[in-house]
């Protein structure tokens, strides 16, 4: 993962579990490169997209290992960050 300024966050390595082009993406931080288990895992994320009459329906679902991990993730600002990403994706889609 990299910030908009190019700062890398190698400690946030994860593993993509499911790819359904133009439909679904699932990844986790429970596995790292070459499917090796990670020490500090706490979430699995799933993005789904489907056509709708006026555009697309987009759903982001994050499953946490525990309530404490969910709270920690919230405190890291993930909801705000994911909202920014969605706004940027919408802006890009509108320009196509």
Protein backbone atom coordinates (compact mmCIF):
# COMPACT_ATOMS: atom_id res chain seq x y z
CA UNK A 1 0.00 0.00 0.00
CA UNK A 2 1.23 3.51 -0.84
CA UNK A 3 0.01 6.97 0.12
CA UNK A 4 -0.82 9.55 -2.56
CA UNK A 5 2.65 11.01 -1.89
CA UNK A 6 4.27 7.63 -2.68
CA UNK A 7 5.08 6.64 0.91
CA UNK A 8 5.12 2.83 1.11
CA UNK A 9 3.58 0.84 3.97
CA UNK A 10 5.16 -2.64 3.59
CA UNK A 11 3.85 -3.71 7.00
CA UNK A 12 0.36 -3.65 5.44
CA UNK A 13 1.07 -6.56 3.11
CA UNK A 14 -1.88 -8.79 2.41
CA UNK A 15 -3.25 -11.40 0.08
CA UNK A 16 -5.91 -11.16 -2.60
CA UNK A 17 -8.30 -14.07 -2.17
CA UNK A 18 -10.96 -13.59 -4.87
CA UNK A 19 -10.99 -11.57 -8.08
CA UNK A 20 -14.10 -11.49 -10.24
CA UNK A 21 -13.35 -8.79 -12.85
CA UNK A 22 -15.74 -5.84 -12.74
CA UNK A 23 -17.71 -7.58 -9.96
CA UNK A 24 -15.87 -8.57 -6.77
CA UNK A 25 -12.53 -8.22 -4.95
CA UNK A 26 -11.71 -9.92 -1.63
CA UNK A 27 -8.45 -9.57 0.27
CA UNK A 28 -7.08 -10.17 3.75
CA UNK A 29 -4.16 -9.20 5.91
CA UNK A 30 -4.21 -12.69 7.48
CA UNK A 31 -1.99 -13.96 4.66
CA UNK A 32 1.06 -12.33 3.15
CA UNK A 33 3.22 -13.05 0.12
CA UNK A 34 3.22 -16.69 -0.95
CA UNK A 35 0.19 -17.31 1.33
CA UNK A 36 2.27 -17.20 4.49
CA UNK A 37 0.24 -16.43 7.66
CA UNK A 38 0.85 -13.00 9.14
CA UNK A 39 1.36 -12.24 12.80
CA UNK A 40 -0.83 -9.17 13.21
CA UNK A 41 -3.87 -9.92 11.06
CA UNK A 42 -7.19 -8.31 11.89
CA UNK A 43 -9.41 -8.03 8.80
CA UNK A 44 -10.74 -9.34 5.53
CA UNK A 45 -12.29 -6.89 3.06
CA UNK A 46 -14.76 -7.48 0.24
CA UNK A 47 -15.71 -4.99 -2.46
CA UNK A 48 -18.66 -5.85 -4.70
CA UNK A 49 -19.97 -3.90 -7.65
CA UNK A 50 -23.02 -4.53 -9.79
CA UNK A 51 -24.76 -2.66 -12.60
CA UNK A 52 -27.73 -0.52 -11.64
CA UNK A 53 -30.17 1.49 -13.80
CA UNK A 54 -28.48 4.79 -12.91
CA UNK A 55 -24.86 3.59 -12.65
CA UNK A 56 -23.43 0.97 -10.31
CA UNK A 57 -24.01 -0.32 -6.81
CA UNK A 58 -20.81 -0.45 -4.77
CA UNK A 59 -20.53 -2.25 -1.44
CA UNK A 60 -17.53 -2.37 0.87
CA UNK A 61 -17.63 -4.91 3.70
CA UNK A 62 -14.84 -5.38 6.23
CA UNK A 63 -14.84 -8.34 8.58
CA UNK A 64 -12.71 -8.01 11.70
CA UNK A 65 -11.31 -10.75 13.92
CA UNK A 66 -12.69 -9.02 17.03
CA UNK A 67 -14.58 -5.96 18.22
CA UNK A 68 -11.29 -4.58 19.51
CA UNK A 69 -9.74 -4.88 16.05
CA UNK A 70 -12.74 -3.14 14.49
CA UNK A 71 -12.39 -0.25 16.94
CA UNK A 72 -8.63 -0.08 16.28
CA UNK A 73 -9.29 0.04 12.54
CA UNK A 74 -11.86 2.82 13.01
CA UNK A 75 -9.36 4.79 15.12
CA UNK A 76 -6.83 4.45 12.28
CA UNK A 77 -9.29 6.40 10.12
CA UNK A 78 -10.20 3.61 7.71
CA UNK A 79 -13.83 4.77 7.24
CA UNK A 80 -12.67 8.24 6.21
CA UNK A 81 -9.93 6.83 4.00
CA UNK A 82 -12.26 4.40 2.26
CA UNK A 83 -14.76 7.23 1.74
CA UNK A 84 -12.04 9.31 0.08
CA UNK A 85 -11.12 6.37 -2.17
CA UNK A 86 -14.76 5.94 -3.17
CA UNK A 87 -15.07 9.65 -3.97
CA UNK A 88 -11.94 9.44 -6.11
CA UNK A 89 -13.28 6.35 -7.90
CA UNK A 90 -16.58 8.12 -8.58
CA UNK A 91 -14.74 11.17 -9.92
CA UNK A 92 -12.70 8.95 -12.23
CA UNK A 93 -15.78 7.06 -13.43
CA UNK A 94 -17.59 10.34 -14.17
CA UNK A 95 -14.67 11.45 -16.36
CA UNK A 96 -14.75 8.34 -18.57
